[in-house]
């Protein structure tokens, strides 16, 4: 015989199928009463479905049916290109844009002198007006000396680099699981400590010049990673 929690999970999954993505499920007290279970039992089943990606909690608002996660293939595309390929409208806003000295740490990443000037760009990235990621990008100022925040409105840094005659050739990227900080959660509209992905990417040109280092935090509830794996050639 199934446990109470398993029965509650089955009922919640049935409710999930009946509701449209983004719809709110009934309040906890109402659900517990209608299913004839205690609130701790209900909460445990809801927690499980949140962890499995079927439901999402919004701080101070309630619990909702999750929208399908965006499958992120590990390919050399910009955020804008990635969203366009899905038929979604990329957007966002520039949180800060400034010229600064590279300093020792960023100079090492960009293969520059610590005294070289770089652009430090902090942006919130959206898809169809929904916050998806927070991005910190660092670019040698010598590659894009006249860059302005307006140049990035509706465009990617890759677009700006291509326009300047610096086409990107390849990148090295790492991905680690993380959780959102208080500031990141506020910008992304998710609860503090929401699961997320931290991407760090170093991009080089055809002449093997480092043209960009980017650090991005993507919402874990809206993204999943997809890799194509092949057996080694002999």
C-alpha atoms as a PDB file:
ATOM      1  CA  UNK A   1       0.000   0.000   0.000  1.00  0.00           C
ATOM      2  CA  UNK A   2       1.181   3.483  -0.782  1.00  0.00           C
ATOM      3  CA  UNK A   3       2.060   5.860   2.036  1.00  0.00           C
ATOM      4  CA  UNK A   4       0.088   9.028   2.664  1.00  0.00           C
ATOM      5  CA  UNK A   5       2.883  11.097   1.214  1.00  0.00           C
ATOM      6  CA  UNK A   6       2.898   9.017  -1.982  1.00  0.00           C
ATOM      7  CA  UNK A   7      -0.869   9.433  -2.303  1.00  0.00           C
ATOM      8  CA  UNK A   8      -0.530  13.188  -1.773  1.00  0.00           C
ATOM      9  CA  UNK A   9       2.253  13.323  -4.377  1.00  0.00           C
ATOM     10  CA  UNK A  10       0.022  11.512  -6.888  1.00  0.00           C
ATOM     11  CA  UNK A  11      -2.821  13.977  -6.251  1.00  0.00           C
ATOM     12  CA  UNK A  12      -0.487  16.954  -6.574  1.00  0.00           C
ATOM     13  CA  UNK A  13       0.857  15.588  -9.867  1.00  0.00           C
ATOM     14  CA  UNK A  14      -2.714  15.219 -11.117  1.00  0.00           C
ATOM     15  CA  UNK A  15      -3.359  18.831 -10.115  1.00  0.00           C
ATOM     16  CA  UNK A  16      -0.117  19.822 -11.860  1.00  0.00           C
ATOM     17  CA  UNK A  17      -1.340  18.253 -15.123  1.00  0.00           C
ATOM     18  CA  UNK A  18      -4.668  20.108 -14.919  1.00  0.00           C
ATOM     19  CA  UNK A  19      -3.158  23.542 -14.309  1.00  0.00           C
ATOM     20  CA  UNK A  20      -1.267  25.652 -16.810  1.00  0.00           C
ATOM     21  CA  UNK A  21       2.394  26.612 -16.228  1.00  0.00           C
ATOM     22  CA  UNK A  22       2.620  29.611 -13.920  1.00  0.00           C
ATOM     23  CA  UNK A  23      -0.763  28.904 -12.269  1.00  0.00           C
ATOM     24  CA  UNK A  24      -0.936  28.921  -8.471  1.00  0.00           C
ATOM     25  CA  UNK A  25      -1.903  25.775  -6.598  1.00  0.00           C
ATOM     26  CA  UNK A  26      -4.415  26.124  -3.716  1.00  0.00           C
ATOM     27  CA  UNK A  27      -3.096  27.320  -0.334  1.00  0.00           C
ATOM     28  CA  UNK A  28      -1.489  24.749   1.943  1.00  0.00           C
ATOM     29  CA  UNK A  29      -4.285  24.771   4.524  1.00  0.00           C
ATOM     30  CA  UNK A  30      -6.955  24.266   1.851  1.00  0.00           C
ATOM     31  CA  UNK A  31      -5.043  21.433   0.167  1.00  0.00           C
ATOM     32  CA  UNK A  32      -4.343  19.625   3.437  1.00  0.00           C
ATOM     33  CA  UNK A  33      -8.031  19.746   4.343  1.00  0.00           C
ATOM     34  CA  UNK A  34      -9.236  18.569   0.922  1.00  0.00           C
ATOM     35  CA  UNK A  35      -6.752  15.677   0.844  1.00  0.00           C
ATOM     36  CA  UNK A  36      -7.352  14.716   4.461  1.00  0.00           C
ATOM     37  CA  UNK A  37      -3.709  14.894   5.539  1.00  0.00           C
ATOM     38  CA  UNK A  38      -1.690  16.905   8.012  1.00  0.00           C
ATOM     39  CA  UNK A  39       0.071  20.040   6.861  1.00  0.00           C
ATOM     40  CA  UNK A  40       3.558  18.544   7.578  1.00  0.00           C
ATOM     41  CA  UNK A  41       2.701  15.574   5.306  1.00  0.00           C
ATOM     42  CA  UNK A  42       1.464  17.934   2.584  1.00  0.00           C
ATOM     43  CA  UNK A  43       4.489  20.206   2.959  1.00  0.00           C
ATOM     44  CA  UNK A  44       6.832  17.221   2.617  1.00  0.00           C
ATOM     45  CA  UNK A  45       5.167  16.164  -0.657  1.00  0.00           C
ATOM     46  CA  UNK A  46       5.227  19.730  -1.992  1.00  0.00           C
ATOM     47  CA  UNK A  47       8.936  20.051  -1.067  1.00  0.00           C
ATOM     48  CA  UNK A  48       9.637  16.905  -3.067  1.00  0.00           C
ATOM     49  CA  UNK A  49       7.843  18.255  -6.143  1.00  0.00           C
ATOM     50  CA  UNK A  50       9.644  21.586  -5.833  1.00  0.00           C
ATOM     51  CA  UNK A  51      12.978  19.728  -5.766  1.00  0.00           C
ATOM     52  CA  UNK A  52      11.884  17.666  -8.789  1.00  0.00           C
ATOM     53  CA  UNK A  53      11.036  20.828 -10.741  1.00  0.00           C
ATOM     54  CA  UNK A  54       7.240  20.354 -10.970  1.00  0.00           C
ATOM     55  CA  UNK A  55       6.394  23.224  -8.608  1.00  0.00           C
ATOM     56  CA  UNK A  56       8.116  26.449  -7.619  1.00  0.00           C
ATOM     57  CA  UNK A  57       7.783  28.585  -4.515  1.00  0.00           C
ATOM     58  CA  UNK A  58       7.726  32.361  -4.786  1.00  0.00           C
ATOM     59  CA  UNK A  59       8.675  34.199  -1.650  1.00  0.00           C
ATOM     60  CA  UNK A  60       5.662  35.835  -0.017  1.00  0.00           C
ATOM     61  CA  UNK A  61       3.381  34.760  -2.853  1.00  0.00           C
ATOM     62  CA  UNK A  62       2.687  31.019  -2.859  1.00  0.00           C
ATOM     63  CA  UNK A  63       3.425  27.850  -4.794  1.00  0.00           C
ATOM     64  CA  UNK A  64       3.043  27.656  -8.572  1.00  0.00           C
ATOM     65  CA  UNK A  65       3.203  25.158 -11.411  1.00  0.00           C
ATOM     66  CA  UNK A  66       6.697  25.393 -12.871  1.00  0.00           C
ATOM     67  CA  UNK A  67       7.229  26.514 -16.416  1.00  0.00           C
ATOM     68  CA  UNK A  68       9.225  24.153 -18.641  1.00  0.00           C
ATOM     69  CA  UNK A  69      12.938  24.528 -18.070  1.00  0.00           C
ATOM     70  CA  UNK A  70      15.060  25.988 -20.835  1.00  0.00           C
ATOM     71  CA  UNK A  71      17.490  23.371 -22.097  1.00  0.00           C
ATOM     72  CA  UNK A  72      20.941  24.971 -22.330  1.00  0.00           C
ATOM     73  CA  UNK A  73      23.261  23.180 -24.704  1.00  0.00           C
ATOM     74  CA  UNK A  74      26.928  23.745 -23.930  1.00  0.00           C
ATOM     75  CA  UNK A  75      27.742  25.570 -27.158  1.00  0.00           C
ATOM     76  CA  UNK A  76      29.510  28.821 -28.019  1.00  0.00           C
ATOM     77  CA  UNK A  77      26.505  31.122 -28.245  1.00  0.00           C
ATOM     78  CA  UNK A  78      25.687  34.363 -26.519  1.00  0.00           C
ATOM     79  CA  UNK A  79      22.661  34.696 -24.245  1.00  0.00           C
ATOM     80  CA  UNK A  80      20.873  36.704 -26.951  1.00  0.00           C
ATOM     81  CA  UNK A  81      21.592  34.092 -29.620  1.00  0.00           C
ATOM     82  CA  UNK A  82      20.476  31.344 -27.262  1.00  0.00           C
ATOM     83  CA  UNK A  83      17.122  33.036 -26.591  1.00  0.00           C
ATOM     84  CA  UNK A  84      16.520  33.913 -30.253  1.00  0.00           C
ATOM     85  CA  UNK A  85      17.055  30.249 -31.182  1.00  0.00           C
ATOM     86  CA  UNK A  86      14.187  29.336 -28.821  1.00  0.00           C
ATOM     87  CA  UNK A  87      11.833  31.910 -30.304  1.00  0.00           C
ATOM     88  CA  UNK A  88      12.092  34.021 -27.144  1.00  0.00           C
ATOM     89  CA  UNK A  89      12.819  37.728 -26.847  1.00  0.00           C
ATOM     90  CA  UNK A  90      16.135  38.416 -25.101  1.00  0.00           C
ATOM     91  CA  UNK A  91      16.395  41.534 -23.007  1.00  0.00           C
ATOM     92  CA  UNK A  92      17.417  42.880 -19.662  1.00  0.00           C
ATOM     93  CA  UNK A  93      19.036  45.910 -18.170  1.00  0.00           C
ATOM     94  CA  UNK A  94      22.532  47.117 -17.483  1.00  0.00           C
ATOM     95  CA  UNK A  95      23.128  47.264 -13.737  1.00  0.00           C
ATOM     96  CA  UNK A  96      26.558  48.881 -14.009  1.00  0.00           C
ATOM     97  CA  UNK A  97      28.969  49.778 -16.818  1.00  0.00           C
ATOM     98  CA  UNK A  98      32.377  51.210 -16.069  1.00  0.00           C
ATOM     99  CA  UNK A  99      35.993  51.373 -17.177  1.00  0.00           C
ATOM    100  CA  UNK A 100      38.503  50.168 -14.604  1.00  0.00           C
ATOM    101  CA  UNK A 101      42.042  48.866 -14.207  1.00  0.00           C
ATOM    102  CA  UNK A 102      42.267  45.133 -14.834  1.00  0.00           C
ATOM    103  CA  UNK A 103      44.069  44.418 -11.574  1.00  0.00           C
ATOM    104  CA  UNK A 104      46.061  41.259 -10.911  1.00  0.00           C
ATOM    105  CA  UNK A 105      43.206  38.718 -10.923  1.00  0.00           C
ATOM    106  CA  UNK A 106      41.389  39.902 -14.066  1.00  0.00           C
ATOM    107  CA  UNK A 107      44.669  40.624 -15.839  1.00  0.00           C
ATOM    108  CA  UNK A 108      45.586  36.962 -15.440  1.00  0.00           C
ATOM    109  CA  UNK A 109      42.232  35.860 -16.883  1.00  0.00           C
ATOM    110  CA  UNK A 110      42.406  38.266 -19.837  1.00  0.00           C
ATOM    111  CA  UNK A 111      46.181  37.942 -20.366  1.00  0.00           C
ATOM    112  CA  UNK A 112      46.707  41.658 -19.878  1.00  0.00           C
ATOM    113  CA  UNK A 113      48.879  43.957 -17.825  1.00  0.00           C
ATOM    114  CA  UNK A 114      47.319  44.717 -14.425  1.00  0.00           C
ATOM    115  CA  UNK A 115      47.469  48.397 -15.484  1.00  0.00           C
ATOM    116  CA  UNK A 116      45.444  47.787 -18.670  1.00  0.00           C
ATOM    117  CA  UNK A 117      41.944  49.246 -18.820  1.00  0.00           C
ATOM    118  CA  UNK A 118      38.947  46.962 -19.153  1.00  0.00           C
ATOM    119  CA  UNK A 119      35.182  47.300 -19.412  1.00  0.00           C
ATOM    120  CA  UNK A 120      33.383  45.802 -16.399  1.00  0.00           C
ATOM    121  CA  UNK A 121      29.729  45.184 -17.301  1.00  0.00           C
ATOM    122  CA  UNK A 122      27.065  43.905 -14.925  1.00  0.00           C
ATOM    123  CA  UNK A 123      23.736  42.949 -16.541  1.00  0.00           C
ATOM    124  CA  UNK A 124      20.451  41.284 -15.677  1.00  0.00           C
ATOM    125  CA  UNK A 125      19.395  39.047 -18.585  1.00  0.00           C
ATOM    126  CA  UNK A 126      15.749  38.276 -19.349  1.00  0.00           C
ATOM    127  CA  UNK A 127      13.778  36.059 -21.724  1.00  0.00           C
ATOM    128  CA  UNK A 128      10.320  37.377 -22.651  1.00  0.00           C
ATOM    129  CA  UNK A 129      10.745  39.855 -19.755  1.00  0.00           C
ATOM    130  CA  UNK A 130      11.362  37.097 -17.182  1.00  0.00           C
ATOM    131  CA  UNK A 131      14.676  37.357 -15.245  1.00  0.00           C
ATOM    132  CA  UNK A 132      16.840  34.352 -16.138  1.00  0.00           C
ATOM    133  CA  UNK A 133      20.468  35.198 -15.362  1.00  0.00           C
ATOM    134  CA  UNK A 134      22.849  37.732 -13.865  1.00  0.00           C
ATOM    135  CA  UNK A 135      26.015  38.361 -15.834  1.00  0.00           C
ATOM    136  CA  UNK A 136      29.360  39.990 -15.052  1.00  0.00           C
ATOM    137  CA  UNK A 137      31.434  40.489 -18.229  1.00  0.00           C
ATOM    138  CA  UNK A 138      34.986  41.819 -18.526  1.00  0.00           C
ATOM    139  CA  UNK A 139      36.448  42.920 -21.896  1.00  0.00           C
ATOM    140  CA  UNK A 140      39.769  44.593 -22.773  1.00  0.00           C
ATOM    141  CA  UNK A 141      38.944  48.228 -23.468  1.00  0.00           C
ATOM    142  CA  UNK A 142      41.432  48.265 -26.351  1.00  0.00           C
ATOM    143  CA  UNK A 143      39.169  45.909 -28.333  1.00  0.00           C
ATOM    144  CA  UNK A 144      36.068  48.104 -27.983  1.00  0.00           C
ATOM    145  CA  UNK A 145      37.328  51.593 -27.096  1.00  0.00           C
ATOM    146  CA  UNK A 146      34.051  53.352 -27.909  1.00  0.00           C
ATOM    147  CA  UNK A 147      31.675  50.866 -26.298  1.00  0.00           C
ATOM    148  CA  UNK A 148      28.637  52.357 -24.523  1.00  0.00           C
ATOM    149  CA  UNK A 149      25.717  50.789 -22.632  1.00  0.00           C
ATOM    150  CA  UNK A 150      23.455  51.682 -25.578  1.00  0.00           C
ATOM    151  CA  UNK A 151      25.513  49.371 -27.800  1.00  0.00           C
ATOM    152  CA  UNK A 152      24.406  46.454 -25.649  1.00  0.00           C
ATOM    153  CA  UNK A 153      20.688  47.223 -25.683  1.00  0.00           C
ATOM    154  CA  UNK A 154      19.156  44.270 -27.500  1.00  0.00           C
ATOM    155  CA  UNK A 155      22.594  43.019 -28.546  1.00  0.00           C
ATOM    156  CA  UNK A 156      25.304  40.765 -27.190  1.00  0.00           C
ATOM    157  CA  UNK A 157      28.971  41.481 -26.565  1.00  0.00           C
ATOM    158  CA  UNK A 158      29.708  38.985 -29.333  1.00  0.00           C
ATOM    159  CA  UNK A 159      27.785  41.262 -31.733  1.00  0.00           C
ATOM    160  CA  UNK A 160      29.927  44.223 -30.665  1.00  0.00           C
ATOM    161  CA  UNK A 161      33.129  42.205 -31.066  1.00  0.00           C
ATOM    162  CA  UNK A 162      32.130  40.974 -34.533  1.00  0.00           C
ATOM    163  CA  UNK A 163      31.255  44.531 -35.594  1.00  0.00           C
ATOM    164  CA  UNK A 164      34.709  45.635 -34.420  1.00  0.00           C
ATOM    165  CA  UNK A 165      36.317  42.907 -36.558  1.00  0.00           C
ATOM    166  CA  UNK A 166      37.117  40.601 -33.640  1.00  0.00           C
ATOM    167  CA  UNK A 167      35.158  37.382 -34.308  1.00  0.00           C
ATOM    168  CA  UNK A 168      35.121  34.874 -31.454  1.00  0.00           C
ATOM    169  CA  UNK A 169      36.639  31.475 -32.206  1.00  0.00           C
ATOM    170  CA  UNK A 170      36.344  29.297 -29.123  1.00  0.00           C
ATOM    171  CA  UNK A 171      35.798  29.366 -25.367  1.00  0.00           C
ATOM    172  CA  UNK A 172      36.569  27.429 -22.229  1.00  0.00           C
ATOM    173  CA  UNK A 173      33.646  27.162 -19.847  1.00  0.00           C
ATOM    174  CA  UNK A 174      33.121  25.717 -16.392  1.00  0.00           C
ATOM    175  CA  UNK A 175      29.778  25.055 -14.716  1.00  0.00           C
ATOM    176  CA  UNK A 176      29.237  24.454 -11.014  1.00  0.00           C
ATOM    177  CA  UNK A 177      26.033  24.202  -8.970  1.00  0.00           C
ATOM    178  CA  UNK A 178      25.450  27.011  -6.514  1.00  0.00           C
ATOM    179  CA  UNK A 179      22.644  28.819  -4.693  1.00  0.00           C
ATOM    180  CA  UNK A 180      21.530  32.422  -5.055  1.00  0.00           C
ATOM    181  CA  UNK A 181      22.704  35.090  -2.642  1.00  0.00           C
ATOM    182  CA  UNK A 182      20.364  37.700  -1.197  1.00  0.00           C
ATOM    183  CA  UNK A 183      21.218  40.248  -3.928  1.00  0.00           C
ATOM    184  CA  UNK A 184      21.010  37.659  -6.720  1.00  0.00           C
ATOM    185  CA  UNK A 185      17.659  36.419  -5.412  1.00  0.00           C
ATOM    186  CA  UNK A 186      16.260  39.949  -5.373  1.00  0.00           C
ATOM    187  CA  UNK A 187      17.302  40.556  -8.985  1.00  0.00           C
ATOM    188  CA  UNK A 188      16.049  37.183 -10.222  1.00  0.00           C
ATOM    189  CA  UNK A 189      12.825  37.267  -8.219  1.00  0.00           C
ATOM    190  CA  UNK A 190      13.443  33.954  -6.446  1.00  0.00           C
ATOM    191  CA  UNK A 191      13.803  32.926  -2.776  1.00  0.00           C
ATOM    192  CA  UNK A 192      17.238  33.221  -1.172  1.00  0.00           C
ATOM    193  CA  UNK A 193      19.351  30.049  -1.622  1.00  0.00           C
ATOM    194  CA  UNK A 194      17.458  28.962  -4.742  1.00  0.00           C
ATOM    195  CA  UNK A 195      19.512  26.362  -6.692  1.00  0.00           C
ATOM    196  CA  UNK A 196      21.418  27.950  -9.576  1.00  0.00           C
ATOM    197  CA  UNK A 197      24.215  27.334 -12.054  1.00  0.00           C
ATOM    198  CA  UNK A 198      27.426  29.360 -12.021  1.00  0.00           C
ATOM    199  CA  UNK A 199      29.031  29.639 -15.475  1.00  0.00           C
ATOM    200  CA  UNK A 200      32.532  31.000 -16.019  1.00  0.00           C
ATOM    201  CA  UNK A 201      33.600  31.440 -19.635  1.00  0.00           C
ATOM    202  CA  UNK A 202      36.839  32.646 -21.196  1.00  0.00           C
ATOM    203  CA  UNK A 203      36.479  33.461 -24.905  1.00  0.00           C
ATOM    204  CA  UNK A 204      39.313  33.840 -27.413  1.00  0.00           C
ATOM    205  CA  UNK A 205      39.555  35.193 -30.948  1.00  0.00           C
ATOM    206  CA  UNK A 206      40.963  33.442 -34.004  1.00  0.00           C
ATOM    207  CA  UNK A 207      44.341  34.948 -33.158  1.00  0.00           C
ATOM    208  CA  UNK A 208      44.031  33.332 -29.676  1.00  0.00           C
ATOM    209  CA  UNK A 209      43.637  36.703 -27.970  1.00  0.00           C
ATOM    210  CA  UNK A 210      41.381  36.600 -24.899  1.00  0.00           C
ATOM    211  CA  UNK A 211      38.452  38.855 -25.731  1.00  0.00           C
ATOM    212  CA  UNK A 212      36.099  38.273 -22.823  1.00  0.00           C
ATOM    213  CA  UNK A 213      35.737  36.697 -19.396  1.00  0.00           C
ATOM    214  CA  UNK A 214      32.171  36.247 -18.200  1.00  0.00           C
ATOM    215  CA  UNK A 215      30.719  35.011 -14.938  1.00  0.00           C
ATOM    216  CA  UNK A 216      26.969  34.248 -15.006  1.00  0.00           C
ATOM    217  CA  UNK A 217      24.463  32.954 -12.477  1.00  0.00           C
ATOM    218  CA  UNK A 218      21.494  31.184 -14.099  1.00  0.00           C
ATOM    219  CA  UNK A 219      18.307  30.230 -12.290  1.00  0.00           C
ATOM    220  CA  UNK A 220      18.314  26.493 -11.634  1.00  0.00           C
ATOM    221  CA  UNK A 221      14.511  26.356 -11.689  1.00  0.00           C
ATOM    222  CA  UNK A 222      14.419  27.654 -15.289  1.00  0.00           C
ATOM    223  CA  UNK A 223      17.465  25.969 -16.792  1.00  0.00           C
ATOM    224  CA  UNK A 224      18.714  22.466 -17.377  1.00  0.00           C
ATOM    225  CA  UNK A 225      21.991  21.535 -19.036  1.00  0.00           C
ATOM    226  CA  UNK A 226      22.193  19.309 -22.099  1.00  0.00           C
ATOM    227  CA  UNK A 227      25.422  17.741 -23.359  1.00  0.00           C
ATOM    228  CA  UNK A 228      25.911  15.620 -26.433  1.00  0.00           C
ATOM    229  CA  UNK A 229      28.187  12.682 -25.601  1.00  0.00           C
ATOM    230  CA  UNK A 230      29.926  10.488 -28.171  1.00  0.00           C
ATOM    231  CA  UNK A 231      32.235   7.485 -27.792  1.00  0.00           C
ATOM    232  CA  UNK A 232      35.925   8.200 -28.360  1.00  0.00           C
ATOM    233  CA  UNK A 233      37.241   7.703 -31.888  1.00  0.00           C
ATOM    234  CA  UNK A 234      39.754   4.912 -32.352  1.00  0.00           C
END
